[in-house]
C-alpha atoms as a PDB file:
ATOM      1  CA  MET A   1     -17.087 -10.452 -38.391  1.00  0.00           C
ATOM      2  CA  ASN A   2     -20.261  -8.934 -37.100  1.00  0.00           C
ATOM      3  CA  LEU A   3     -20.209 -10.869 -33.711  1.00  0.00           C
ATOM      4  CA  LEU A   4     -16.788  -9.744 -33.059  1.00  0.00           C
ATOM      5  CA  PHE A   5     -17.843  -5.982 -33.451  1.00  0.00           C
ATOM      6  CA  LEU A   6     -20.674  -6.786 -31.053  1.00  0.00           C
ATOM      7  CA  PHE A   7     -18.583  -8.868 -28.885  1.00  0.00           C
ATOM      8  CA  ILE A   8     -15.592  -6.321 -27.868  1.00  0.00           C
ATOM      9  CA  PRO A   9     -17.481  -3.468 -26.763  1.00  0.00           C
ATOM     10  CA  ILE A  10     -19.446  -6.182 -24.335  1.00  0.00           C
ATOM     11  CA  ILE A  11     -15.896  -7.287 -22.954  1.00  0.00           C
ATOM     12  CA  ILE A  12     -15.240  -3.823 -22.334  1.00  0.00           C
ATOM     13  CA  LEU A  13     -18.589  -3.145 -20.817  1.00  0.00           C
ATOM     14  CA  PHE A  14     -17.900  -6.130 -18.436  1.00  0.00           C
ATOM     15  CA  LEU A  15     -14.397  -5.269 -17.616  1.00  0.00           C
ATOM     16  CA  PHE A  16     -15.415  -1.235 -17.092  1.00  0.00           C
ATOM     17  CA  PHE A  17     -18.376  -2.120 -14.711  1.00  0.00           C
ATOM     18  CA  TRP A  18     -16.378  -4.988 -12.842  1.00  0.00           C
ATOM     19  CA  TRP A  19     -12.874  -3.960 -12.130  1.00  0.00           C
ATOM     20  CA  ILE A  20     -12.769  -0.006 -12.491  1.00  0.00           C
ATOM     21  CA  PHE A  21     -16.981   1.483 -11.696  1.00  0.00           C
ATOM     22  CA  PRO A  22     -15.781   0.215  -8.382  1.00  0.00           C
ATOM     23  CA  LEU A  23     -12.925   1.971  -7.281  1.00  0.00           C
ATOM     24  CA  PHE A  24     -14.818   5.219  -7.697  1.00  0.00           C
ATOM     25  CA  PHE A  25     -16.788   3.873  -4.562  1.00  0.00           C
ATOM     26  CA  HIS A  26     -14.144   1.714  -2.550  1.00  0.00           C
ATOM     27  CA  GLY A  27     -10.978   2.318  -4.086  1.00  0.00           C
ATOM     28  CA  ILE A  28      -8.318   6.147  -3.727  1.00  0.00           C
ATOM     29  CA  PRO A  29      -6.980   7.377  -7.021  1.00  0.00           C
ATOM     30  CA  TRP A  30      -3.676   6.143  -7.717  1.00  0.00           C
ATOM     31  CA  GLN A  31      -0.889   8.802  -6.635  1.00  0.00           C
ATOM     32  CA  PRO A  32       2.470   7.492  -6.690  1.00  0.00           C
ATOM     33  CA  THR A  33       5.049   8.291  -4.260  1.00  0.00           C
ATOM     34  CA  ASP A  34       8.306  10.180  -5.025  1.00  0.00           C
ATOM     35  CA  MET A  35      11.698   7.720  -4.869  1.00  0.00           C
ATOM     36  CA  LYS A  36      13.147  10.392  -2.380  1.00  0.00           C
ATOM     37  CA  ARG A  37       9.988  10.137  -0.006  1.00  0.00           C
ATOM     38  CA  VAL A  38       9.742   6.498  -0.462  1.00  0.00           C
ATOM     39  CA  LYS A  39      13.618   6.147   0.494  1.00  0.00           C
ATOM     40  CA  ARG A  40      13.017   8.992   3.625  1.00  0.00           C
ATOM     41  CA  MET A  41       9.770   7.086   4.666  1.00  0.00           C
ATOM     42  CA  LEU A  42      11.868   3.630   5.221  1.00  0.00           C
ATOM     43  CA  GLU A  43      14.576   5.523   6.855  1.00  0.00           C
ATOM     44  CA  MET A  44      11.941   6.956   9.208  1.00  0.00           C
ATOM     45  CA  ALA A  45      10.726   3.355   9.777  1.00  0.00           C
ATOM     46  CA  ASP A  46      13.744   2.272  10.708  1.00  0.00           C
ATOM     47  CA  LEU A  47      13.376  -1.145   8.979  1.00  0.00           C
ATOM     48  CA  LYS A  48      15.033  -4.093  10.185  1.00  0.00           C
ATOM     49  CA  PRO A  49      16.308  -7.166   7.636  1.00  0.00           C
ATOM     50  CA  ASP A  50      13.637  -9.490   7.834  1.00  0.00           C
ATOM     51  CA  GLU A  51      11.043  -7.148   9.095  1.00  0.00           C
ATOM     52  CA  THR A  52       7.863  -7.313   7.778  1.00  0.00           C
ATOM     53  CA  LEU A  53       6.064  -4.202   5.928  1.00  0.00           C
ATOM     54  CA  TYR A  54       2.742  -3.640   5.191  1.00  0.00           C
ATOM     55  CA  ASP A  55       1.937  -0.908   2.336  1.00  0.00           C
ATOM     56  CA  LEU A  56      -1.744  -0.522   2.107  1.00  0.00           C
ATOM     57  CA  GLY A  57      -2.492   0.783  -1.293  1.00  0.00           C
ATOM     58  CA  CYS A  58       0.829  -0.615  -2.715  1.00  0.00           C
ATOM     59  CA  GLY A  59      -0.113   0.835  -6.282  1.00  0.00           C
ATOM     60  CA  ASP A  60       2.892  -0.241  -8.373  1.00  0.00           C
ATOM     61  CA  GLY A  61       4.639  -1.952  -5.678  1.00  0.00           C
ATOM     62  CA  ARG A  62       7.630   0.907  -5.259  1.00  0.00           C
ATOM     63  CA  ILE A  63       7.745   0.962  -1.507  1.00  0.00           C
ATOM     64  CA  LEU A  64       7.530  -3.078  -1.311  1.00  0.00           C
ATOM     65  CA  ILE A  65      10.221  -3.550  -3.941  1.00  0.00           C
ATOM     66  CA  TYR A  66      12.755  -0.746  -2.434  1.00  0.00           C
ATOM     67  CA  ALA A  67      12.227  -2.316   0.980  1.00  0.00           C
ATOM     68  CA  ALA A  68      13.056  -5.758  -0.313  1.00  0.00           C
ATOM     69  CA  GLN A  69      15.862  -4.718  -2.002  1.00  0.00           C
ATOM     70  CA  LYS A  70      17.630  -1.901   0.004  1.00  0.00           C
ATOM     71  CA  TYR A  71      16.652  -3.448   3.713  1.00  0.00           C
ATOM     72  CA  HIS A  72      16.413  -7.304   3.257  1.00  0.00           C
ATOM     73  CA  ALA A  73      12.678  -6.879   4.761  1.00  0.00           C
ATOM     74  CA  LYS A  74      10.183  -8.886   3.607  1.00  0.00           C
ATOM     75  CA  ALA A  75       7.343  -6.678   2.572  1.00  0.00           C
ATOM     76  CA  VAL A  76       3.196  -6.917   1.752  1.00  0.00           C
ATOM     77  CA  GLY A  77       1.470  -5.259  -0.491  1.00  0.00           C
ATOM     78  CA  ILE A  78      -2.442  -4.627  -0.224  1.00  0.00           C
ATOM     79  CA  GLU A  79      -3.967  -2.919  -3.207  1.00  0.00           C
ATOM     80  CA  ILE A  80      -7.919  -2.981  -4.280  1.00  0.00           C
ATOM     81  CA  ASN A  81      -7.424  -2.117  -7.819  1.00  0.00           C
ATOM     82  CA  PRO A  82      -6.347  -5.178 -10.143  1.00  0.00           C
ATOM     83  CA  TRP A  83      -4.562  -3.178 -12.617  1.00  0.00           C
ATOM     84  CA  LEU A  84      -2.036  -1.749 -10.212  1.00  0.00           C
ATOM     85  CA  PHE A  85      -2.100  -4.983  -8.427  1.00  0.00           C
ATOM     86  CA  ALA A  86      -1.172  -7.141 -11.693  1.00  0.00           C
ATOM     87  CA  LEU A  87       1.681  -4.334 -11.779  1.00  0.00           C
ATOM     88  CA  SER A  88       2.970  -4.444  -8.708  1.00  0.00           C
ATOM     89  CA  TRP A  89       2.781  -8.306  -9.051  1.00  0.00           C
ATOM     90  CA  ILE A  90       4.755  -8.268 -12.467  1.00  0.00           C
ATOM     91  CA  ARG A  91       7.211  -6.191 -11.390  1.00  0.00           C
ATOM     92  CA  VAL A  92       8.197  -8.050  -7.954  1.00  0.00           C
ATOM     93  CA  PHE A  93       7.849 -11.298 -10.363  1.00  0.00           C
ATOM     94  CA  PHE A  94      10.586 -10.043 -12.999  1.00  0.00           C
ATOM     95  CA  LEU A  95      12.842  -8.328 -10.286  1.00  0.00           C
ATOM     96  CA  GLY A  96      13.302 -11.780  -8.596  1.00  0.00           C
ATOM     97  CA  LEU A  97      11.889 -10.865  -5.656  1.00  0.00           C
ATOM     98  CA  LYS A  98       9.046 -13.271  -4.954  1.00  0.00           C
ATOM     99  CA  HIS A  99      10.763 -14.976  -1.807  1.00  0.00           C
ATOM    100  CA  ARG A 100      10.395 -11.581   0.123  1.00  0.00           C
ATOM    101  CA  VAL A 101       7.330  -9.769  -1.367  1.00  0.00           C
ATOM    102  CA  ARG A 102       3.763 -10.240  -1.834  1.00  0.00           C
ATOM    103  CA  VAL A 103       1.017  -8.367  -3.082  1.00  0.00           C
ATOM    104  CA  ASP A 104      -2.534  -9.152  -2.288  1.00  0.00           C
ATOM    105  CA  LEU A 105      -6.176  -8.068  -4.293  1.00  0.00           C
ATOM    106  CA  LYS A 106      -7.474  -7.403  -0.978  1.00  0.00           C
ATOM    107  CA  ASN A 107      -9.562  -4.501   0.634  1.00  0.00           C
ATOM    108  CA  ILE A 108      -6.828  -3.159   3.156  1.00  0.00           C
ATOM    109  CA  HIS A 109      -9.763  -3.254   5.915  1.00  0.00           C
ATOM    110  CA  GLU A 110      -9.954  -6.961   5.519  1.00  0.00           C
ATOM    111  CA  VAL A 111      -6.368  -7.866   5.965  1.00  0.00           C
ATOM    112  CA  SER A 112      -5.060  -8.287   9.521  1.00  0.00           C
ATOM    113  CA  LEU A 113      -1.620  -6.378  10.605  1.00  0.00           C
ATOM    114  CA  GLN A 114      -0.568  -8.682  13.404  1.00  0.00           C
ATOM    115  CA  ASN A 115       3.013  -9.542  11.789  1.00  0.00           C
ATOM    116  CA  ALA A 116       3.420  -6.043  10.772  1.00  0.00           C
ATOM    117  CA  ASP A 117       6.746  -4.322  12.087  1.00  0.00           C
ATOM    118  CA  VAL A 118       5.758  -1.417   9.839  1.00  0.00           C
ATOM    119  CA  VAL A 119       2.862  -0.066   7.959  1.00  0.00           C
ATOM    120  CA  THR A 120       3.149   2.481   4.972  1.00  0.00           C
ATOM    121  CA  ILE A 121       0.131   4.568   3.650  1.00  0.00           C
ATOM    122  CA  PHE A 122      -0.554   7.224   1.538  1.00  0.00           C
ATOM    123  CA  LEU A 123      -4.445   7.428   1.798  1.00  0.00           C
ATOM    124  CA  TYR A 124      -6.935  10.281   2.491  1.00  0.00           C
ATOM    125  CA  GLN A 125      -7.544  11.634   5.491  1.00  0.00           C
ATOM    126  CA  ASN A 126     -10.956   9.656   5.635  1.00  0.00           C
ATOM    127  CA  VAL A 127      -9.092   6.610   5.636  1.00  0.00           C
ATOM    128  CA  ASN A 128      -6.667   7.190   7.957  1.00  0.00           C
ATOM    129  CA  ASP A 129      -9.116   8.083  10.516  1.00  0.00           C
ATOM    130  CA  LEU A 130     -10.719   4.560   9.880  1.00  0.00           C
ATOM    131  CA  LEU A 131      -7.678   2.626  10.300  1.00  0.00           C
ATOM    132  CA  ARG A 132      -6.348   4.229  13.457  1.00  0.00           C
ATOM    133  CA  GLU A 133      -8.523   1.591  15.569  1.00  0.00           C
ATOM    134  CA  LYS A 134      -7.519  -1.007  13.278  1.00  0.00           C
ATOM    135  CA  PHE A 135      -3.485  -0.188  13.853  1.00  0.00           C
ATOM    136  CA  LEU A 136      -4.383   0.083  17.810  1.00  0.00           C
ATOM    137  CA  LYS A 137      -5.850  -3.300  18.050  1.00  0.00           C
ATOM    138  CA  GLU A 138      -4.153  -5.246  15.384  1.00  0.00           C
ATOM    139  CA  LEU A 139      -0.527  -3.757  15.258  1.00  0.00           C
ATOM    140  CA  LYS A 140       2.134  -5.151  17.845  1.00  0.00           C
ATOM    141  CA  PRO A 141       3.908  -2.659  20.458  1.00  0.00           C
ATOM    142  CA  GLY A 142       6.859  -0.750  18.819  1.00  0.00           C
ATOM    143  CA  ALA A 143       5.472  -1.655  15.268  1.00  0.00           C
ATOM    144  CA  ARG A 144       5.952   1.677  13.387  1.00  0.00           C
ATOM    145  CA  ILE A 145       3.336   3.505  10.946  1.00  0.00           C
ATOM    146  CA  ILE A 146       4.379   5.776   7.781  1.00  0.00           C
ATOM    147  CA  SER A 147       1.815   8.283   6.931  1.00  0.00           C
ATOM    148  CA  TYR A 148       2.256  10.505   3.772  1.00  0.00           C
ATOM    149  CA  VAL A 149       0.269  13.965   4.217  1.00  0.00           C
ATOM    150  CA  TRP A 150      -2.386  12.422   6.147  1.00  0.00           C
ATOM    151  CA  ILE A 151      -2.416  12.243   9.860  1.00  0.00           C
ATOM    152  CA  LEU A 152      -3.607   9.930  12.301  1.00  0.00           C
ATOM    153  CA  LYS A 153      -6.111  12.079  14.585  1.00  0.00           C
ATOM    154  CA  ASP A 154      -5.856  12.312  18.224  1.00  0.00           C
ATOM    155  CA  TRP A 155      -2.657  10.343  17.956  1.00  0.00           C
ATOM    156  CA  ASP A 156       0.241  12.676  18.254  1.00  0.00           C
ATOM    157  CA  PRO A 157       3.703  11.488  15.842  1.00  0.00           C
ATOM    158  CA  ASP A 158       6.548  10.331  17.059  1.00  0.00           C
ATOM    159  CA  LEU A 159       8.661  12.212  14.584  1.00  0.00           C
ATOM    160  CA  VAL A 160       7.541  14.478  11.877  1.00  0.00           C
ATOM    161  CA  ASP A 161       9.224  15.372   8.615  1.00  0.00           C
ATOM    162  CA  GLN A 162       7.677  18.822   7.910  1.00  0.00           C
ATOM    163  CA  GLU A 163       9.801  18.982   4.363  1.00  0.00           C
ATOM    164  CA  TYR A 164       8.628  15.745   3.168  1.00  0.00           C
ATOM    165  CA  ARG A 165       5.109  15.632   4.664  1.00  0.00           C
ATOM    166  CA  LEU A 166       5.809  12.500   6.434  1.00  0.00           C
ATOM    167  CA  TYR A 167       4.230  11.276   9.770  1.00  0.00           C
ATOM    168  CA  LYS A 168       5.956   8.134  11.911  1.00  0.00           C
ATOM    169  CA  TYR A 169       3.364   7.037  14.679  1.00  0.00           C
ATOM    170  CA  ILE A 170       4.694   3.868  16.928  1.00  0.00           C
ATOM    171  CA  ARG A 171       2.193   1.984  18.530  1.00  0.00           C
END
């Protein structure tokens, strides 16, 4: 019985240092986007059926799920946090959307965006700054980027929603 009490804290420490601690250096804290903004983001994106949406830092998968359910789009979520990845994957599975939605446990900088028609982001300004060149290099002409709160520096937005703090960019 004493071994069990020793074993449990070791597992908890392992999980903390393996899954949670690295997020302090590589991840962005989860701040879920409210559904009013999710709806507006996809309206601004002019998302069409069977287009492919990428949500970078997909959190609980709410943008992916809404895009698949309401717009009949294909959706790919990229999430570095294993807990949020699991949450979004479970939601997609139980909603029966696995045929339209994929969630990947990856770093957003290591994912190819060449198949994206729409990209949604709610990151920090410094991350947006790093992604700007990736967008210009990998996105096909006509692809749309919808950013919540933070801009893409040196890139004029094609549409701004001041009320919701949303910015639309077209590649």
